[in-house]
N, C-alpha and C. Protein backbone atom coordinates (compact mmCIF):
# COMPACT_ATOMS: atom_id res chain seq x y z
N MET A 1 -33.79 -16.20 -16.30
CA MET A 1 -34.42 -17.37 -15.76
C MET A 1 -33.93 -18.63 -16.45
N GLY A 2 -33.08 -18.53 -17.41
CA GLY A 2 -32.52 -19.71 -18.03
C GLY A 2 -33.16 -20.10 -19.35
N ILE A 3 -34.10 -19.32 -19.85
CA ILE A 3 -34.75 -19.69 -21.11
C ILE A 3 -33.77 -19.61 -22.27
N GLN A 4 -32.91 -18.62 -22.24
CA GLN A 4 -32.00 -18.43 -23.36
C GLN A 4 -30.83 -19.42 -23.35
N THR A 5 -30.58 -20.08 -22.23
CA THR A 5 -29.43 -20.99 -22.14
C THR A 5 -29.83 -22.34 -21.57
N GLN A 6 -30.84 -22.95 -22.16
CA GLN A 6 -31.25 -24.27 -21.66
C GLN A 6 -30.18 -25.29 -21.98
N ARG A 7 -29.93 -26.17 -21.03
CA ARG A 7 -28.84 -27.12 -21.19
C ARG A 7 -29.33 -28.56 -21.31
N GLN A 8 -30.60 -28.72 -21.67
CA GLN A 8 -31.11 -30.07 -21.82
C GLN A 8 -30.61 -30.68 -23.13
N TRP A 9 -30.55 -32.00 -23.11
CA TRP A 9 -30.02 -32.69 -24.27
C TRP A 9 -31.12 -33.18 -25.21
N SER A 10 -32.36 -33.16 -24.75
CA SER A 10 -33.42 -33.69 -25.62
C SER A 10 -34.51 -32.64 -25.82
N ASP A 11 -35.21 -32.80 -26.92
CA ASP A 11 -36.32 -31.89 -27.21
C ASP A 11 -37.44 -32.04 -26.19
N LEU A 12 -37.65 -33.25 -25.69
CA LEU A 12 -38.69 -33.47 -24.68
C LEU A 12 -38.39 -32.71 -23.40
N ALA A 13 -37.14 -32.68 -22.99
CA ALA A 13 -36.77 -31.94 -21.78
C ALA A 13 -37.01 -30.45 -21.96
N ILE A 14 -36.69 -29.94 -23.13
CA ILE A 14 -36.92 -28.52 -23.42
C ILE A 14 -38.42 -28.24 -23.44
N GLU A 15 -39.20 -29.14 -24.01
CA GLU A 15 -40.65 -28.96 -24.05
C GLU A 15 -41.27 -28.99 -22.65
N ARG A 16 -40.64 -29.67 -21.71
CA ARG A 16 -41.15 -29.69 -20.33
C ARG A 16 -40.74 -28.46 -19.56
N THR A 17 -39.52 -27.99 -19.73
CA THR A 17 -39.02 -26.92 -18.88
C THR A 17 -39.44 -25.53 -19.33
N THR A 18 -39.58 -25.30 -20.61
CA THR A 18 -39.94 -23.97 -21.09
C THR A 18 -41.29 -23.50 -20.56
N PRO A 19 -42.36 -24.31 -20.62
CA PRO A 19 -43.62 -23.85 -20.04
C PRO A 19 -43.53 -23.62 -18.54
N LEU A 20 -42.74 -24.42 -17.84
CA LEU A 20 -42.57 -24.24 -16.40
C LEU A 20 -41.87 -22.92 -16.10
N LEU A 21 -40.86 -22.59 -16.86
CA LEU A 21 -40.17 -21.32 -16.67
C LEU A 21 -41.09 -20.13 -16.95
N LEU A 22 -41.88 -20.22 -17.99
CA LEU A 22 -42.81 -19.14 -18.30
C LEU A 22 -43.89 -19.01 -17.23
N CYS A 23 -44.34 -20.13 -16.70
CA CYS A 23 -45.33 -20.13 -15.62
C CYS A 23 -44.74 -19.50 -14.35
N THR A 24 -43.52 -19.85 -14.03
CA THR A 24 -42.85 -19.27 -12.87
C THR A 24 -42.69 -17.77 -13.04
N TYR A 25 -42.28 -17.35 -14.21
CA TYR A 25 -42.14 -15.93 -14.51
C TYR A 25 -43.48 -15.22 -14.32
N SER A 26 -44.55 -15.83 -14.81
CA SER A 26 -45.88 -15.23 -14.70
C SER A 26 -46.32 -15.12 -13.24
N PHE A 27 -46.11 -16.17 -12.45
CA PHE A 27 -46.49 -16.14 -11.04
C PHE A 27 -45.71 -15.07 -10.28
N VAL A 28 -44.42 -14.98 -10.52
CA VAL A 28 -43.61 -13.97 -9.84
C VAL A 28 -44.07 -12.58 -10.23
N THR A 29 -44.39 -12.39 -11.50
CA THR A 29 -44.87 -11.09 -11.96
C THR A 29 -46.20 -10.72 -11.31
N LEU A 30 -47.12 -11.67 -11.23
CA LEU A 30 -48.42 -11.42 -10.60
C LEU A 30 -48.28 -11.12 -9.11
N ILE A 31 -47.50 -11.93 -8.41
CA ILE A 31 -47.30 -11.70 -6.98
C ILE A 31 -46.58 -10.37 -6.76
N GLY A 32 -45.60 -10.07 -7.60
CA GLY A 32 -44.87 -8.80 -7.49
C GLY A 32 -45.77 -7.60 -7.73
N THR A 33 -46.69 -7.71 -8.67
CA THR A 33 -47.65 -6.63 -8.91
C THR A 33 -48.54 -6.42 -7.69
N HIS A 34 -48.96 -7.50 -7.09
CA HIS A 34 -49.78 -7.41 -5.88
C HIS A 34 -48.98 -6.79 -4.73
N LEU A 35 -47.73 -7.22 -4.57
CA LEU A 35 -46.88 -6.66 -3.51
C LEU A 35 -46.65 -5.16 -3.73
N ALA A 36 -46.42 -4.77 -4.97
CA ALA A 36 -46.14 -3.37 -5.28
C ALA A 36 -47.32 -2.46 -4.97
N SER A 37 -48.52 -3.02 -5.00
CA SER A 37 -49.69 -2.21 -4.68
C SER A 37 -49.83 -1.99 -3.17
N HIS A 38 -49.14 -2.81 -2.36
CA HIS A 38 -49.23 -2.70 -0.91
C HIS A 38 -47.97 -2.15 -0.24
N GLU A 39 -46.85 -2.32 -0.87
CA GLU A 39 -45.59 -1.85 -0.30
C GLU A 39 -44.60 -1.54 -1.41
N GLU A 40 -43.59 -0.79 -1.07
CA GLU A 40 -42.58 -0.41 -2.06
C GLU A 40 -41.60 -1.56 -2.29
N ILE A 41 -41.32 -1.84 -3.54
CA ILE A 41 -40.33 -2.87 -3.87
C ILE A 41 -38.97 -2.20 -3.92
N VAL A 42 -38.03 -2.78 -3.21
CA VAL A 42 -36.67 -2.23 -3.14
C VAL A 42 -36.00 -2.41 -4.50
N VAL A 43 -35.48 -1.33 -5.04
CA VAL A 43 -34.74 -1.38 -6.31
C VAL A 43 -33.26 -1.36 -5.96
N GLU A 44 -32.61 -2.50 -6.17
CA GLU A 44 -31.19 -2.61 -5.84
C GLU A 44 -30.36 -1.81 -6.84
N GLN A 45 -29.49 -0.97 -6.31
CA GLN A 45 -28.63 -0.13 -7.15
C GLN A 45 -27.18 -0.60 -7.04
N THR A 46 -26.47 -0.40 -8.11
CA THR A 46 -25.02 -0.67 -8.10
C THR A 46 -24.31 0.59 -8.57
N ALA A 47 -23.02 0.62 -8.38
CA ALA A 47 -22.25 1.80 -8.75
C ALA A 47 -22.17 1.97 -10.27
N TRP A 48 -22.27 0.88 -11.02
CA TRP A 48 -22.10 0.96 -12.46
C TRP A 48 -23.41 0.90 -13.24
N TYR A 49 -24.53 0.70 -12.54
CA TYR A 49 -25.80 0.57 -13.25
C TYR A 49 -26.92 1.14 -12.39
N ARG A 50 -27.48 2.24 -12.82
CA ARG A 50 -28.58 2.89 -12.10
C ARG A 50 -29.91 2.50 -12.74
N LYS A 51 -30.87 2.14 -11.90
CA LYS A 51 -32.20 1.77 -12.39
C LYS A 51 -33.22 2.75 -11.82
N SER A 52 -34.20 3.11 -12.63
CA SER A 52 -35.26 3.99 -12.13
C SER A 52 -36.49 3.19 -11.70
N THR A 53 -36.66 1.98 -12.23
CA THR A 53 -37.78 1.13 -11.85
C THR A 53 -37.26 -0.27 -11.52
N ALA A 54 -38.11 -1.03 -10.87
CA ALA A 54 -37.73 -2.39 -10.47
C ALA A 54 -37.62 -3.31 -11.69
N THR A 55 -36.61 -4.15 -11.68
CA THR A 55 -36.45 -5.16 -12.72
C THR A 55 -37.00 -6.48 -12.19
N PHE A 56 -36.99 -7.51 -13.03
CA PHE A 56 -37.47 -8.82 -12.58
C PHE A 56 -36.65 -9.32 -11.40
N HIS A 57 -35.37 -9.05 -11.41
CA HIS A 57 -34.50 -9.44 -10.30
C HIS A 57 -34.98 -8.83 -8.99
N ASP A 58 -35.35 -7.57 -9.00
CA ASP A 58 -35.84 -6.90 -7.80
C ASP A 58 -37.19 -7.47 -7.35
N VAL A 59 -38.06 -7.73 -8.30
CA VAL A 59 -39.37 -8.29 -7.98
C VAL A 59 -39.22 -9.70 -7.42
N LEU A 60 -38.36 -10.51 -8.02
CA LEU A 60 -38.13 -11.87 -7.52
C LEU A 60 -37.58 -11.83 -6.10
N ALA A 61 -36.67 -10.92 -5.82
CA ALA A 61 -36.13 -10.78 -4.47
C ALA A 61 -37.21 -10.34 -3.49
N ALA A 62 -38.10 -9.45 -3.90
CA ALA A 62 -39.18 -9.00 -3.03
C ALA A 62 -40.15 -10.14 -2.72
N VAL A 63 -40.45 -10.97 -3.72
CA VAL A 63 -41.33 -12.12 -3.51
C VAL A 63 -40.67 -13.11 -2.57
N ARG A 64 -39.39 -13.42 -2.80
CA ARG A 64 -38.67 -14.32 -1.90
C ARG A 64 -38.67 -13.79 -0.47
N LEU A 65 -38.39 -12.51 -0.33
CA LEU A 65 -38.33 -11.89 0.98
C LEU A 65 -39.66 -12.02 1.71
N ARG A 66 -40.75 -11.73 1.02
CA ARG A 66 -42.08 -11.83 1.63
C ARG A 66 -42.40 -13.26 2.04
N LEU A 67 -42.13 -14.22 1.16
CA LEU A 67 -42.42 -15.62 1.46
C LEU A 67 -41.60 -16.12 2.63
N TRP A 68 -40.32 -15.82 2.64
CA TRP A 68 -39.44 -16.30 3.71
C TRP A 68 -39.77 -15.64 5.04
N LYS A 69 -40.14 -14.36 5.03
CA LYS A 69 -40.50 -13.69 6.28
C LYS A 69 -41.75 -14.32 6.89
N GLN A 70 -42.67 -14.75 6.06
CA GLN A 70 -43.88 -15.38 6.57
C GLN A 70 -43.59 -16.77 7.15
N GLN A 71 -42.54 -17.42 6.69
CA GLN A 71 -42.25 -18.78 7.12
C GLN A 71 -41.32 -18.84 8.33
N ILE A 72 -40.61 -17.76 8.62
CA ILE A 72 -39.62 -17.77 9.69
C ILE A 72 -40.22 -17.15 10.94
N SER A 73 -40.09 -17.88 12.04
CA SER A 73 -40.58 -17.38 13.32
C SER A 73 -39.40 -16.81 14.10
N LEU A 74 -39.62 -15.67 14.73
CA LEU A 74 -38.56 -15.04 15.51
C LEU A 74 -38.50 -15.55 16.94
N THR A 75 -39.46 -16.40 17.32
CA THR A 75 -39.51 -16.90 18.69
C THR A 75 -39.42 -18.42 18.70
N SER A 76 -39.13 -18.95 19.86
CA SER A 76 -39.02 -20.38 20.04
C SER A 76 -40.40 -21.02 19.96
N ALA A 77 -40.47 -22.21 19.36
CA ALA A 77 -41.75 -22.92 19.28
C ALA A 77 -42.19 -23.40 20.66
N ARG A 78 -41.23 -23.73 21.51
CA ARG A 78 -41.58 -24.23 22.85
C ARG A 78 -41.97 -23.10 23.80
N ASP A 79 -41.27 -21.97 23.68
CA ASP A 79 -41.53 -20.85 24.58
C ASP A 79 -41.55 -19.56 23.77
N PRO A 80 -42.73 -19.07 23.43
CA PRO A 80 -42.83 -17.86 22.59
C PRO A 80 -42.19 -16.62 23.21
N ALA A 81 -41.91 -16.66 24.51
CA ALA A 81 -41.27 -15.51 25.15
C ALA A 81 -39.78 -15.44 24.83
N VAL A 82 -39.24 -16.53 24.33
CA VAL A 82 -37.81 -16.60 24.02
C VAL A 82 -37.59 -16.20 22.57
N GLY A 83 -36.84 -15.13 22.36
CA GLY A 83 -36.55 -14.68 21.01
C GLY A 83 -35.33 -15.39 20.45
N LEU A 84 -35.43 -15.84 19.22
CA LEU A 84 -34.31 -16.52 18.58
C LEU A 84 -33.44 -15.56 17.78
N LEU A 85 -34.08 -14.65 17.08
CA LEU A 85 -33.38 -13.65 16.28
C LEU A 85 -34.05 -12.31 16.46
N SER A 86 -33.26 -11.28 16.45
CA SER A 86 -33.86 -9.96 16.46
C SER A 86 -34.35 -9.64 15.05
N PRO A 87 -35.37 -8.82 14.93
CA PRO A 87 -35.89 -8.49 13.59
C PRO A 87 -34.82 -7.87 12.67
N SER A 88 -33.91 -7.09 13.23
CA SER A 88 -32.89 -6.47 12.38
C SER A 88 -31.91 -7.51 11.83
N VAL A 89 -31.55 -8.50 12.65
CA VAL A 89 -30.66 -9.57 12.19
C VAL A 89 -31.36 -10.39 11.11
N LEU A 90 -32.62 -10.72 11.33
CA LEU A 90 -33.37 -11.48 10.33
C LEU A 90 -33.46 -10.70 9.02
N ASP A 91 -33.73 -9.40 9.09
CA ASP A 91 -33.81 -8.60 7.87
C ASP A 91 -32.50 -8.59 7.11
N ARG A 92 -31.39 -8.49 7.81
CA ARG A 92 -30.08 -8.49 7.14
C ARG A 92 -29.79 -9.84 6.50
N LEU A 93 -30.11 -10.94 7.20
CA LEU A 93 -29.87 -12.27 6.65
C LEU A 93 -30.75 -12.52 5.41
N LEU A 94 -32.01 -12.14 5.51
CA LEU A 94 -32.90 -12.33 4.37
C LEU A 94 -32.51 -11.47 3.18
N TYR A 95 -32.09 -10.25 3.43
CA TYR A 95 -31.65 -9.38 2.33
C TYR A 95 -30.44 -9.99 1.63
N ALA A 96 -29.50 -10.52 2.42
CA ALA A 96 -28.32 -11.16 1.82
C ALA A 96 -28.71 -12.38 1.01
N ALA A 97 -29.68 -13.14 1.49
CA ALA A 97 -30.10 -14.35 0.77
C ALA A 97 -30.89 -14.01 -0.49
N CYS A 98 -31.69 -12.94 -0.44
CA CYS A 98 -32.53 -12.58 -1.59
C CYS A 98 -31.77 -11.92 -2.71
N PHE A 99 -30.78 -11.12 -2.37
CA PHE A 99 -30.01 -10.44 -3.40
C PHE A 99 -28.68 -11.10 -3.55
């Protein structure tokens, strides 16, 4: 999240951003815990690194995915019968954006 590599030039800037980063981390963790109790969080795997449980990266992606899905409408605002995106296309786009 950038705590270990802050690039501010003044102590005041560091004093402002560190609590904000910790607050953001806490909110994501709380929302992720709530999400995990209702649905499975996708654990992204790579060929060189296997994970058995979700990391913060996975939880952050799950929170982003949930928030963005709630904000995006699949139909036209003028005519709800007109579909703008199919659910599968939206899922692929959101997955690419989240991870």
